[in-house]
Each structure stands twice: as C-alpha cells, then as structure tokens.
Amino acid sequence: MPVDPHLAGLLQMMETAAAPPMSEGTPAEARAAFRKLSVDARQAHQVVPVASVEEVAVPGPPGDLAARVYRPEESGPVPTVVLFHGGGWVVGDLDTHDNAARSICRDARAVVVSVDYRLAPEAPFPAAVDDAVAATAWVAEHLADLGGDDRLAVAGDSAGGNLAAVVAQHARDTGGPAIAAQLLVYPAVDVLGEFPSRAENGTGYFLDLPTMAWFMGHYAGGHDRLDDPRLSPLRAQDLGGLPPAVVVTAEFDPLRDEGEAYAERLRASGVRVDVRRFDGMIHGFFDMGLFSPGAQKAVDETCERFAELLGG
C-alpha cells in the first residue's frame, strides 16, 4: 500500500523546508532539529496523560544518569518497563520520547523508566550499552520502590530497540536481572546486514542510508568488530532463552527486514514472538501520532500487544 497520506504530507513538508540533511550537519545541529520536530511540535493538549511523572537519577558507569519515571492510572500490581529512546545513539533524549513513554505507560499499563543514556560522539560505543545495562540492573533492584511488581521488561525504538535487545541478551548471558518481556520497535539489529528494505526504503522515507552511516560513524566508527552482538544483536550465535518479544516494523523503513529477521530468529530459537509490520508506516512512526491518525492507531495497537505480553 502507499505511504500513509498524513505521513506523506509530513515527508513533503520536510523536503520543501530545504533544510540540510542530518548527515551533512553536526550532532548539535541534528539534536536541535530532532527536538524541533518532536518536542516543539507537541501541543499541551497532545501530551498523553498518566498518573504521575517523576525525575530521578539512575547510577551509571560515569555517574548518575537522568531518568524519568512514569506511573499509570492503575490500582493493582503493574510491571516495570525500562525504556531506551531512539535517535541513532546520537540524537534524542527524555523529552523527544516523552509521549512514547507516556503511551507505553498508559496503554501497556506499566511503570515506565525512561533512561537518558550517554550519546555519541561524545560517548561512543559501548557507552550506551554500559549505561543501559547499569540502568536496567538498578531498576531491577528497585521495582517495589518505583511502584511496580516483580515483572521487569525492556523496550526501545530504533537505536533504543537495539539497546533493549542487547540488554536482554546480556542479562541472559551473565545471570543478570530476570527480564519478562521486550518491546522492539523497528530495531536496528545488524550493522553489517544487506537487506532488500535498505535498497527499497533507503531514501525519501525520513531515515535514509547516509544518515544511518552518519549515526554509525559517530557511534562505532572506531570499533573494528561491527559483528559484535552488542552492536548487532542479530549476529549473536544463540538467541535461545531470551524473553518473549513484541517486534514491530514499518513497511517503508530501511530497518524493516532486519527487525523481521531478528523476530524470525527468536521464533526459530523457541522464543515467543509477536511480530507486526505496519503497512503505510515509515521509520519513526511511534512518535508521529501527532501528525497521523494511522500512526497513532499503530502506536495504540503496539502498546496493547505489549500489554498482552506483559500480562501473559
């Protein structure tokens, strides 16, 4: 099917704005542009309501990491989800993914702890991985304090989906905290992979191949093992014994095929997987409900599927 008409309009608007591509600018310029598209475009009435939001500090390898705790309007026991934002490990923060965290909190009926991990190039690989692992371990030790029961999950979109998958593998391999479920939204899981979706959707659909290369250059340009599972979790030798997962992809996303390949490998390894491709959607749709009813419907369905997995 064609691109969702509202998202097509958004893509046309960005094209006519004649702004230089992200891949031709600095990280600081890219961060400002991303915040303009996400944070500045959000009106007060569009903020997803939750019961409470609390700013906290989470211990990380370099010192405290900023984090934000979202609590739902639920009277009974609820799971806790550690959320890692997308943005190519270079852009994005707690504010750009505020509504994403709120949506998961409200619609998956969970406490959400959104973590502001260190970004590249100031803190290149494996800094984000180290932060994500440390934050998850801390949350696991404070579930009751945060308001959740004994169910712990990880979630993320794009680069954040990469970190969620890596954390799940790390916990399995090291005897770390027990993770009950994972939500991987168009995850980046294979740096070296050659997939048809990269050729089909590599230009004109928000995330393009030059930007992907720009992200990776800043994040892991100095790393000589791009098949490292901490960079490319699809390259892990064994995916057995991992937590059940909801894996979501978008039809017009260069990352579509690697996300689906990861879901298939999980399933073949005996892991319970709920995989869903949203036709007409582009990379980044999880935070584009402000622009597109179709994107919002996809977000709602994703959160409901995750709620079912957490409850099951």
C-alpha atoms as a PDB file:
ATOM      1  CA  MET A   1       0.000   0.000   0.000  1.00  0.00           C
ATOM      2  CA  PRO A   2       1.158   3.620  -0.394  1.00  0.00           C
ATOM      3  CA  VAL A   3       2.677   5.672   2.388  1.00  0.00           C
ATOM      4  CA  ASP A   4       0.092   6.860   4.890  1.00  0.00           C
ATOM      5  CA  PRO A   5      -1.217  10.145   3.391  1.00  0.00           C
ATOM      6  CA  HIS A   6      -0.600  12.162   6.560  1.00  0.00           C
ATOM      7  CA  LEU A   7       2.965  10.899   6.786  1.00  0.00           C
ATOM      8  CA  ALA A   8       3.421  11.570   3.067  1.00  0.00           C
ATOM      9  CA  GLY A   9       2.429  15.155   3.782  1.00  0.00           C
ATOM     10  CA  LEU A  10       4.946  15.318   6.615  1.00  0.00           C
ATOM     11  CA  LEU A  11       7.687  13.990   4.345  1.00  0.00           C
ATOM     12  CA  GLN A  12       6.760  16.558   1.702  1.00  0.00           C
ATOM     13  CA  MET A  13       6.861  19.345   4.290  1.00  0.00           C
ATOM     14  CA  MET A  14      10.345  18.303   5.411  1.00  0.00           C
ATOM     15  CA  GLU A  15      11.513  18.116   1.813  1.00  0.00           C
ATOM     16  CA  THR A  16      10.230  21.585   0.915  1.00  0.00           C
ATOM     17  CA  ALA A  17      11.773  23.050   4.077  1.00  0.00           C
ATOM     18  CA  ALA A  18      15.095  22.695   2.250  1.00  0.00           C
ATOM     19  CA  ALA A  19      16.980  22.074   5.480  1.00  0.00           C
ATOM     20  CA  PRO A  20      20.374  20.395   5.028  1.00  0.00           C
ATOM     21  CA  PRO A  21      20.324  16.623   5.591  1.00  0.00           C
ATOM     22  CA  MET A  22      21.184  15.461   9.088  1.00  0.00           C
ATOM     23  CA  SER A  23      24.161  13.603   7.659  1.00  0.00           C
ATOM     24  CA  GLU A  24      25.683  16.891   6.480  1.00  0.00           C
ATOM     25  CA  GLY A  25      25.473  18.650   9.842  1.00  0.00           C
ATOM     26  CA  THR A  26      26.915  18.377  13.310  1.00  0.00           C
ATOM     27  CA  PRO A  27      25.483  16.305  16.146  1.00  0.00           C
ATOM     28  CA  ALA A  28      24.436  19.507  17.912  1.00  0.00           C
ATOM     29  CA  GLU A  29      22.522  20.672  14.834  1.00  0.00           C
ATOM     30  CA  ALA A  30      20.914  17.249  14.442  1.00  0.00           C
ATOM     31  CA  ARG A  31      19.796  17.220  18.073  1.00  0.00           C
ATOM     32  CA  ALA A  32      18.247  20.664  17.760  1.00  0.00           C
ATOM     33  CA  ALA A  33      16.423  19.688  14.550  1.00  0.00           C
ATOM     34  CA  PHE A  34      15.105  16.483  16.102  1.00  0.00           C
ATOM     35  CA  ARG A  35      13.811  18.340  19.150  1.00  0.00           C
ATOM     36  CA  LYS A  36      12.125  20.883  16.867  1.00  0.00           C
ATOM     37  CA  LEU A  37      10.282  18.116  15.035  1.00  0.00           C
ATOM     38  CA  SER A  38       9.280  16.232  18.181  1.00  0.00           C
ATOM     39  CA  VAL A  39       9.240  18.435  21.279  1.00  0.00           C
ATOM     40  CA  ASP A  40       8.477  21.846  19.759  1.00  0.00           C
ATOM     41  CA  ALA A  41       5.689  20.465  17.564  1.00  0.00           C
ATOM     42  CA  ARG A  42       3.851  18.969  20.535  1.00  0.00           C
ATOM     43  CA  GLN A  43       0.937  20.976  21.907  1.00  0.00           C
ATOM     44  CA  ALA A  44      -0.100  20.770  25.554  1.00  0.00           C
ATOM     45  CA  HIS A  45      -3.362  19.024  24.707  1.00  0.00           C
ATOM     46  CA  GLN A  46      -1.447  16.349  22.770  1.00  0.00           C
ATOM     47  CA  VAL A  47       0.555  15.170  25.778  1.00  0.00           C
ATOM     48  CA  VAL A  48      -0.608  11.668  26.753  1.00  0.00           C
ATOM     49  CA  PRO A  49      -1.959  11.761  30.326  1.00  0.00           C
ATOM     50  CA  VAL A  50      -0.535   9.470  33.021  1.00  0.00           C
ATOM     51  CA  ALA A  51      -0.962   9.397  36.792  1.00  0.00           C
ATOM     52  CA  SER A  52       2.429  10.909  37.632  1.00  0.00           C
ATOM     53  CA  VAL A  53       5.861  11.730  36.268  1.00  0.00           C
ATOM     54  CA  GLU A  54       8.995  11.880  38.418  1.00  0.00           C
ATOM     55  CA  GLU A  55      12.520  12.961  37.541  1.00  0.00           C
ATOM     56  CA  VAL A  56      15.104  10.631  39.071  1.00  0.00           C
ATOM     57  CA  ALA A  57      18.826   9.850  38.860  1.00  0.00           C
ATOM     58  CA  VAL A  58      19.959   6.338  37.983  1.00  0.00           C
ATOM     59  CA  PRO A  59      23.532   5.235  38.771  1.00  0.00           C
ATOM     60  CA  GLY A  60      25.569   4.604  35.641  1.00  0.00           C
ATOM     61  CA  PRO A  61      29.218   3.848  34.853  1.00  0.00           C
ATOM     62  CA  PRO A  62      30.222   7.534  34.536  1.00  0.00           C
ATOM     63  CA  GLY A  63      27.982   8.740  37.376  1.00  0.00           C
ATOM     64  CA  ASP A  64      24.299   9.491  37.626  1.00  0.00           C
ATOM     65  CA  LEU A  65      22.142   9.283  34.507  1.00  0.00           C
ATOM     66  CA  ALA A  66      18.974  11.339  34.210  1.00  0.00           C
ATOM     67  CA  ALA A  67      15.818   9.251  34.041  1.00  0.00           C
ATOM     68  CA  ARG A  68      12.086   9.814  34.186  1.00  0.00           C
ATOM     69  CA  VAL A  69       9.539   7.564  35.901  1.00  0.00           C
ATOM     70  CA  TYR A  70       6.005   7.421  34.517  1.00  0.00           C
ATOM     71  CA  ARG A  71       3.253   5.772  36.569  1.00  0.00           C
ATOM     72  CA  PRO A  72      -0.108   4.678  35.180  1.00  0.00           C
ATOM     73  CA  GLU A  73      -3.631   5.098  36.498  1.00  0.00           C
ATOM     74  CA  GLU A  74      -3.797   1.558  37.869  1.00  0.00           C
ATOM     75  CA  SER A  75      -4.718   0.408  41.355  1.00  0.00           C
ATOM     76  CA  GLY A  76      -3.370  -3.137  41.103  1.00  0.00           C
ATOM     77  CA  PRO A  77       0.123  -4.556  40.503  1.00  0.00           C
ATOM     78  CA  VAL A  78       1.817  -3.436  37.315  1.00  0.00           C
ATOM     79  CA  PRO A  79       5.043  -4.374  35.515  1.00  0.00           C
ATOM     80  CA  THR A  80       8.003  -2.030  35.104  1.00  0.00           C
ATOM     81  CA  VAL A  81       9.482  -1.215  31.698  1.00  0.00           C
ATOM     82  CA  VAL A  82      12.952   0.259  31.161  1.00  0.00           C
ATOM     83  CA  LEU A  83      12.734   2.389  28.002  1.00  0.00           C
ATOM     84  CA  PHE A  84      15.625   3.418  25.753  1.00  0.00           C
ATOM     85  CA  HIS A  85      14.918   6.158  23.223  1.00  0.00           C
ATOM     86  CA  GLY A  86      15.834   6.042  19.561  1.00  0.00           C
ATOM     87  CA  GLY A  87      17.941   8.512  17.612  1.00  0.00           C
ATOM     88  CA  GLY A  88      20.886   6.601  16.199  1.00  0.00           C
ATOM     89  CA  TRP A  89      22.739   6.735  19.537  1.00  0.00           C
ATOM     90  CA  VAL A  90      23.485  10.386  18.607  1.00  0.00           C
ATOM     91  CA  VAL A  91      20.217  12.334  18.974  1.00  0.00           C
ATOM     92  CA  GLY A  92      17.142  12.027  21.175  1.00  0.00           C
ATOM     93  CA  ASP A  93      16.532  12.455  24.884  1.00  0.00           C
ATOM     94  CA  LEU A  94      13.874  12.134  27.572  1.00  0.00           C
ATOM     95  CA  ASP A  95      11.844  14.970  26.069  1.00  0.00           C
ATOM     96  CA  THR A  96      11.833  13.779  22.451  1.00  0.00           C
ATOM     97  CA  HIS A  97      10.410  10.448  23.597  1.00  0.00           C
ATOM     98  CA  ASP A  98       8.178  11.756  26.361  1.00  0.00           C
ATOM     99  CA  ASN A  99       4.950  10.875  24.570  1.00  0.00           C
ATOM    100  CA  ALA A 100       6.279   7.454  23.606  1.00  0.00           C
ATOM    101  CA  ALA A 101       6.994   6.741  27.263  1.00  0.00           C
ATOM    102  CA  ARG A 102       3.580   8.054  28.248  1.00  0.00           C
ATOM    103  CA  SER A 103       1.832   5.897  25.652  1.00  0.00           C
ATOM    104  CA  ILE A 104       3.541   2.736  26.893  1.00  0.00           C
ATOM    105  CA  CYS A 105       2.786   3.697  30.482  1.00  0.00           C
ATOM    106  CA  ARG A 106      -0.900   4.351  29.875  1.00  0.00           C
ATOM    107  CA  ASP A 107      -1.744   1.735  27.266  1.00  0.00           C
ATOM    108  CA  ALA A 108       0.549  -1.108  28.377  1.00  0.00           C
ATOM    109  CA  ARG A 109      -0.461  -0.300  31.964  1.00  0.00           C
ATOM    110  CA  ALA A 110       3.086  -0.243  33.298  1.00  0.00           C
ATOM    111  CA  VAL A 111       5.550   1.856  35.238  1.00  0.00           C
ATOM    112  CA  VAL A 112       7.991   3.187  32.642  1.00  0.00           C
ATOM    113  CA  VAL A 113      11.534   4.272  33.489  1.00  0.00           C
ATOM    114  CA  SER A 114      12.910   6.229  30.528  1.00  0.00           C
ATOM    115  CA  VAL A 115      16.726   6.433  30.633  1.00  0.00           C
ATOM    116  CA  ASP A 116      18.850   9.268  29.247  1.00  0.00           C
ATOM    117  CA  TYR A 117      21.913   7.226  28.276  1.00  0.00           C
ATOM    118  CA  ARG A 118      25.084   8.891  27.016  1.00  0.00           C
ATOM    119  CA  LEU A 119      25.196   9.848  23.340  1.00  0.00           C
ATOM    120  CA  ALA A 120      27.875   9.621  20.668  1.00  0.00           C
ATOM    121  CA  PRO A 121      30.214  11.012  19.504  1.00  0.00           C
ATOM    122  CA  GLU A 122      30.974  12.418  22.957  1.00  0.00           C
ATOM    123  CA  ALA A 123      30.500   8.926  24.430  1.00  0.00           C
ATOM    124  CA  PRO A 124      30.899   6.341  21.640  1.00  0.00           C
ATOM    125  CA  PHE A 125      30.196   2.610  21.774  1.00  0.00           C
ATOM    126  CA  PRO A 126      29.982   0.847  24.181  1.00  0.00           C
ATOM    127  CA  ALA A 127      28.947   3.732  26.463  1.00  0.00           C
ATOM    128  CA  ALA A 128      25.237   3.495  25.602  1.00  0.00           C
ATOM    129  CA  VAL A 129      25.299  -0.267  26.172  1.00  0.00           C
ATOM    130  CA  ASP A 130      27.064   0.115  29.510  1.00  0.00           C
ATOM    131  CA  ASP A 131      24.530   2.740  30.601  1.00  0.00           C
ATOM    132  CA  ALA A 132      21.570   0.616  29.506  1.00  0.00           C
ATOM    133  CA  VAL A 133      22.858  -2.460  31.333  1.00  0.00           C
ATOM    134  CA  ALA A 134      23.576  -0.488  34.512  1.00  0.00           C
ATOM    135  CA  ALA A 135      20.218   1.281  34.453  1.00  0.00           C
ATOM    136  CA  THR A 136      18.325  -1.977  33.986  1.00  0.00           C
ATOM    137  CA  ALA A 137      20.190  -3.582  36.877  1.00  0.00           C
ATOM    138  CA  TRP A 138      19.355  -0.619  39.131  1.00  0.00           C
ATOM    139  CA  VAL A 139      15.683  -0.671  38.165  1.00  0.00           C
ATOM    140  CA  ALA A 140      15.578  -4.414  38.853  1.00  0.00           C
ATOM    141  CA  GLU A 141      16.768  -3.731  42.404  1.00  0.00           C
ATOM    142  CA  HIS A 142      14.169  -1.006  42.982  1.00  0.00           C
ATOM    143  CA  LEU A 143      10.992  -2.388  41.415  1.00  0.00           C
ATOM    144  CA  ALA A 144       8.898  -2.012  44.571  1.00  0.00           C
ATOM    145  CA  ASP A 145      10.259   1.487  45.244  1.00  0.00           C
ATOM    146  CA  LEU A 146       9.319   2.528  41.723  1.00  0.00           C
ATOM    147  CA  GLY A 147       5.782   1.216  42.151  1.00  0.00           C
ATOM    148  CA  GLY A 148       5.902  -1.991  40.145  1.00  0.00           C
ATOM    149  CA  ASP A 149       5.587  -5.684  40.901  1.00  0.00           C
ATOM    150  CA  ASP A 150       8.247  -8.287  40.124  1.00  0.00           C
ATOM    151  CA  ARG A 151       7.815  -8.124  36.318  1.00  0.00           C
ATOM    152  CA  LEU A 152      10.642  -6.293  34.547  1.00  0.00           C
ATOM    153  CA  ALA A 153      10.691  -5.565  30.807  1.00  0.00           C
ATOM    154  CA  VAL A 154      12.835  -3.591  28.367  1.00  0.00           C
ATOM    155  CA  ALA A 155      11.697  -1.529  25.407  1.00  0.00           C
ATOM    156  CA  GLY A 156      13.039   0.814  22.770  1.00  0.00           C
ATOM    157  CA  ASP A 157      12.679   2.137  19.261  1.00  0.00           C
ATOM    158  CA  SER A 158      15.373   2.064  16.567  1.00  0.00           C
ATOM    159  CA  ALA A 159      18.700   2.544  18.393  1.00  0.00           C
ATOM    160  CA  GLY A 160      16.744   2.134  21.613  1.00  0.00           C
ATOM    161  CA  GLY A 161      15.398  -1.164  20.276  1.00  0.00           C
ATOM    162  CA  ASN A 162      18.991  -2.181  19.668  1.00  0.00           C
ATOM    163  CA  LEU A 163      19.838  -1.393  23.294  1.00  0.00           C
ATOM    164  CA  ALA A 164      16.779  -3.251  24.602  1.00  0.00           C
ATOM    165  CA  ALA A 165      17.744  -6.360  22.608  1.00  0.00           C
ATOM    166  CA  VAL A 166      21.360  -6.104  23.762  1.00  0.00           C
ATOM    167  CA  VAL A 167      20.319  -5.720  27.414  1.00  0.00           C
ATOM    168  CA  ALA A 168      18.087  -8.800  27.147  1.00  0.00           C
ATOM    169  CA  GLN A 169      20.975 -10.823  25.717  1.00  0.00           C
ATOM    170  CA  HIS A 170      23.387  -9.513  28.348  1.00  0.00           C
ATOM    171  CA  ALA A 171      21.028 -10.381  31.198  1.00  0.00           C
ATOM    172  CA  ARG A 172      20.634 -13.924  29.861  1.00  0.00           C
ATOM    173  CA  ASP A 173      24.360 -14.424  29.358  1.00  0.00           C
ATOM    174  CA  THR A 174      25.521 -13.005  32.700  1.00  0.00           C
ATOM    175  CA  GLY A 175      22.809 -14.177  35.045  1.00  0.00           C
ATOM    176  CA  GLY A 176      21.567 -10.618  35.291  1.00  0.00           C
ATOM    177  CA  PRO A 177      18.069  -9.488  36.208  1.00  0.00           C
ATOM    178  CA  ALA A 178      15.184 -11.646  35.034  1.00  0.00           C
ATOM    179  CA  ILE A 179      13.509  -9.864  32.124  1.00  0.00           C
ATOM    180  CA  ALA A 180       9.924 -10.876  31.464  1.00  0.00           C
ATOM    181  CA  ALA A 181       9.409  -9.285  28.037  1.00  0.00           C
ATOM    182  CA  GLN A 182      10.880  -6.980  25.418  1.00  0.00           C
ATOM    183  CA  LEU A 183       9.317  -4.465  23.051  1.00  0.00           C
ATOM    184  CA  LEU A 184      11.449  -3.811  19.972  1.00  0.00           C
ATOM    185  CA  VAL A 185      10.065  -1.076  17.724  1.00  0.00           C
ATOM    186  CA  TYR A 186      11.787  -1.046  14.293  1.00  0.00           C
ATOM    187  CA  PRO A 187      15.041  -2.082  15.998  1.00  0.00           C
ATOM    188  CA  ALA A 188      18.497  -1.623  14.484  1.00  0.00           C
ATOM    189  CA  VAL A 189      19.942  -5.091  14.952  1.00  0.00           C
ATOM    190  CA  ASP A 190      22.516  -5.717  12.215  1.00  0.00           C
ATOM    191  CA  VAL A 191      25.096  -3.115  11.247  1.00  0.00           C
ATOM    192  CA  LEU A 192      26.639  -5.237   8.501  1.00  0.00           C
ATOM    193  CA  GLY A 193      23.476  -6.728   7.055  1.00  0.00           C
ATOM    194  CA  GLU A 194      22.412  -6.372   3.444  1.00  0.00           C
ATOM    195  CA  PHE A 195      18.631  -6.333   3.312  1.00  0.00           C
ATOM    196  CA  PRO A 196      16.187  -5.516   0.483  1.00  0.00           C
ATOM    197  CA  SER A 197      14.436  -2.914   2.646  1.00  0.00           C
ATOM    198  CA  ARG A 198      17.606  -0.836   2.766  1.00  0.00           C
ATOM    199  CA  ALA A 199      17.617  -0.577  -1.026  1.00  0.00           C
ATOM    200  CA  GLU A 200      13.834  -0.165  -1.281  1.00  0.00           C
ATOM    201  CA  ASN A 201      13.468   2.404   1.501  1.00  0.00           C
ATOM    202  CA  GLY A 202      16.945   3.896   1.731  1.00  0.00           C
ATOM    203  CA  THR A 203      15.918   7.342   0.561  1.00  0.00           C
ATOM    204  CA  GLY A 204      12.877   9.553   0.904  1.00  0.00           C
ATOM    205  CA  TYR A 205      11.309   7.991   3.998  1.00  0.00           C
ATOM    206  CA  PHE A 206      12.705  10.060   6.904  1.00  0.00           C
ATOM    207  CA  LEU A 207      15.567   7.695   7.808  1.00  0.00           C
ATOM    208  CA  ASP A 208      17.936   7.292   4.876  1.00  0.00           C
ATOM    209  CA  LEU A 209      21.147   5.390   4.253  1.00  0.00           C
ATOM    210  CA  PRO A 210      23.510   8.407   4.526  1.00  0.00           C
ATOM    211  CA  THR A 211      22.013   9.234   7.921  1.00  0.00           C
ATOM    212  CA  MET A 212      22.364   5.609   9.054  1.00  0.00           C
ATOM    213  CA  ALA A 213      26.040   5.698   8.052  1.00  0.00           C
ATOM    214  CA  TRP A 214      26.458   9.063   9.830  1.00  0.00           C
ATOM    215  CA  PHE A 215      24.959   7.643  13.012  1.00  0.00           C
ATOM    216  CA  MET A 216      27.150   4.566  12.919  1.00  0.00           C
ATOM    217  CA  GLY A 217      30.261   6.595  12.167  1.00  0.00           C
ATOM    218  CA  HIS A 218      29.716   8.667  15.289  1.00  0.00           C
ATOM    219  CA  TYR A 219      28.675   5.726  17.452  1.00  0.00           C
ATOM    220  CA  ALA A 220      31.075   2.980  16.432  1.00  0.00           C
ATOM    221  CA  GLY A 221      33.375   4.405  13.773  1.00  0.00           C
ATOM    222  CA  GLY A 222      36.403   3.465  15.847  1.00  0.00           C
ATOM    223  CA  HIS A 223      35.267  -0.079  16.556  1.00  0.00           C
ATOM    224  CA  ASP A 224      36.725  -2.766  14.302  1.00  0.00           C
ATOM    225  CA  ARG A 225      34.219  -5.531  15.146  1.00  0.00           C
ATOM    226  CA  LEU A 226      30.903  -4.447  13.694  1.00  0.00           C
ATOM    227  CA  ASP A 227      29.652  -8.014  14.075  1.00  0.00           C
ATOM    228  CA  ASP A 228      29.929  -7.610  17.865  1.00  0.00           C
ATOM    229  CA  PRO A 229      26.498  -8.670  19.208  1.00  0.00           C
ATOM    230  CA  ARG A 230      26.499  -5.548  21.388  1.00  0.00           C
ATOM    231  CA  LEU A 231      26.323  -3.602  18.120  1.00  0.00           C
ATOM    232  CA  SER A 232      24.495  -6.168  16.001  1.00  0.00           C
ATOM    233  CA  PRO A 233      22.379  -8.394  18.271  1.00  0.00           C
ATOM    234  CA  LEU A 234      21.187 -10.354  15.232  1.00  0.00           C
ATOM    235  CA  ARG A 235      24.774 -11.642  14.963  1.00  0.00           C
ATOM    236  CA  ALA A 236      24.646 -13.358  18.364  1.00  0.00           C
ATOM    237  CA  GLN A 237      25.299 -17.093  17.972  1.00  0.00           C
ATOM    238  CA  ASP A 238      22.378 -18.127  20.168  1.00  0.00           C
ATOM    239  CA  LEU A 239      19.043 -16.374  20.663  1.00  0.00           C
ATOM    240  CA  GLY A 240      17.505 -19.133  22.739  1.00  0.00           C
ATOM    241  CA  GLY A 241      16.323 -18.417  26.249  1.00  0.00           C
ATOM    242  CA  LEU A 242      15.585 -14.751  25.610  1.00  0.00           C
ATOM    243  CA  PRO A 243      12.438 -13.037  26.916  1.00  0.00           C
ATOM    244  CA  PRO A 244       9.267 -13.133  24.814  1.00  0.00           C
ATOM    245  CA  ALA A 245       9.079 -10.181  22.467  1.00  0.00           C
ATOM    246  CA  VAL A 246       6.812  -7.870  20.552  1.00  0.00           C
ATOM    247  CA  VAL A 247       8.691  -6.822  17.411  1.00  0.00           C
ATOM    248  CA  VAL A 248       7.208  -4.023  15.339  1.00  0.00           C
ATOM    249  CA  THR A 249       8.337  -2.896  11.880  1.00  0.00           C
ATOM    250  CA  ALA A 250       7.202  -0.359   9.289  1.00  0.00           C
ATOM    251  CA  GLU A 251       6.631  -1.038   5.598  1.00  0.00           C
ATOM    252  CA  PHE A 252       8.671   1.945   4.347  1.00  0.00           C
ATOM    253  CA  ASP A 253      11.596   1.642   6.766  1.00  0.00           C
ATOM    254  CA  PRO A 254      15.155   0.683   5.763  1.00  0.00           C
ATOM    255  CA  LEU A 255      15.353  -1.250   9.071  1.00  0.00           C
ATOM    256  CA  ARG A 256      12.224  -3.304   8.291  1.00  0.00           C
ATOM    257  CA  ASP A 257      13.882  -6.514   7.143  1.00  0.00           C
ATOM    258  CA  GLU A 258      16.497  -6.778   9.876  1.00  0.00           C
ATOM    259  CA  GLY A 259      13.832  -6.327  12.545  1.00  0.00           C
ATOM    260  CA  GLU A 260      11.774  -9.090  10.981  1.00  0.00           C
ATOM    261  CA  ALA A 261      14.869 -11.276  10.615  1.00  0.00           C
ATOM    262  CA  TYR A 262      15.517 -10.860  14.331  1.00  0.00           C
ATOM    263  CA  ALA A 263      11.932 -11.820  15.111  1.00  0.00           C
ATOM    264  CA  GLU A 264      12.233 -14.907  12.925  1.00  0.00           C
ATOM    265  CA  ARG A 265      15.489 -15.975  14.584  1.00  0.00           C
ATOM    266  CA  LEU A 266      13.887 -15.519  18.009  1.00  0.00           C
ATOM    267  CA  ARG A 267      10.954 -17.684  16.931  1.00  0.00           C
ATOM    268  CA  ALA A 268      13.257 -20.343  15.468  1.00  0.00           C
ATOM    269  CA  SER A 269      15.141 -20.376  18.774  1.00  0.00           C
ATOM    270  CA  GLY A 270      11.980 -21.166  20.698  1.00  0.00           C
ATOM    271  CA  VAL A 271      11.229 -17.662  21.918  1.00  0.00           C
ATOM    272  CA  ARG A 272       7.626 -16.474  21.940  1.00  0.00           C
ATOM    273  CA  VAL A 273       7.372 -13.627  19.425  1.00  0.00           C
ATOM    274  CA  ASP A 274       4.544 -11.360  18.325  1.00  0.00           C
ATOM    275  CA  VAL A 275       5.727  -9.639  15.141  1.00  0.00           C
ATOM    276  CA  ARG A 276       3.724  -6.970  13.350  1.00  0.00           C
ATOM    277  CA  ARG A 277       4.543  -4.982  10.212  1.00  0.00           C
ATOM    278  CA  PHE A 278       2.516  -1.793   9.889  1.00  0.00           C
ATOM    279  CA  ASP A 279       1.794  -1.083   6.242  1.00  0.00           C
ATOM    280  CA  GLY A 280       1.988   2.519   5.113  1.00  0.00           C
ATOM    281  CA  MET A 281       4.202   3.491   8.043  1.00  0.00           C
ATOM    282  CA  ILE A 282       7.724   4.949   7.982  1.00  0.00           C
ATOM    283  CA  HIS A 283      10.600   4.853  10.427  1.00  0.00           C
ATOM    284  CA  GLY A 284       9.802   6.989  13.449  1.00  0.00           C
ATOM    285  CA  PHE A 285       6.028   6.491  13.294  1.00  0.00           C
ATOM    286  CA  PHE A 286       5.907   5.635  17.001  1.00  0.00           C
ATOM    287  CA  ASP A 287       6.247   9.340  17.771  1.00  0.00           C
ATOM    288  CA  MET A 288       4.247  10.619  14.802  1.00  0.00           C
ATOM    289  CA  GLY A 289       0.745  10.177  16.150  1.00  0.00           C
ATOM    290  CA  LEU A 290       0.570  13.966  16.394  1.00  0.00           C
ATOM    291  CA  PHE A 291       0.667  14.114  12.590  1.00  0.00           C
ATOM    292  CA  SER A 292      -1.105  10.925  11.548  1.00  0.00           C
ATOM    293  CA  PRO A 293      -4.175   9.093  12.862  1.00  0.00           C
ATOM    294  CA  GLY A 294      -2.792   5.982  11.165  1.00  0.00           C
ATOM    295  CA  ALA A 295       0.450   6.261  13.088  1.00  0.00           C
ATOM    296  CA  GLN A 296      -1.477   6.774  16.312  1.00  0.00           C
ATOM    297  CA  LYS A 297      -3.526   3.654  15.613  1.00  0.00           C
ATOM    298  CA  ALA A 298      -0.284   1.710  15.117  1.00  0.00           C
ATOM    299  CA  VAL A 299       1.071   3.038  18.424  1.00  0.00           C
ATOM    300  CA  ASP A 300      -2.142   2.057  20.203  1.00  0.00           C
ATOM    301  CA  GLU A 301      -2.043  -1.464  18.771  1.00  0.00           C
ATOM    302  CA  THR A 302       1.639  -1.869  19.622  1.00  0.00           C
ATOM    303  CA  CYS A 303       1.073  -0.887  23.243  1.00  0.00           C
ATOM    304  CA  GLU A 304      -1.916  -3.204  23.530  1.00  0.00           C
ATOM    305  CA  ARG A 305       0.092  -6.125  22.144  1.00  0.00           C
ATOM    306  CA  PHE A 306       2.842  -5.349  24.657  1.00  0.00           C
ATOM    307  CA  ALA A 307       0.273  -5.181  27.463  1.00  0.00           C
ATOM    308  CA  GLU A 308      -0.954  -8.640  26.492  1.00  0.00           C
ATOM    309  CA  LEU A 309       2.587  -9.989  26.534  1.00  0.00           C
ATOM    310  CA  LEU A 310       3.316  -8.419  29.924  1.00  0.00           C
ATOM    311  CA  GLY A 311       0.122  -9.821  31.328  1.00  0.00           C
ATOM    312  CA  GLY A 312       0.615 -13.259  29.867  1.00  0.00           C
END
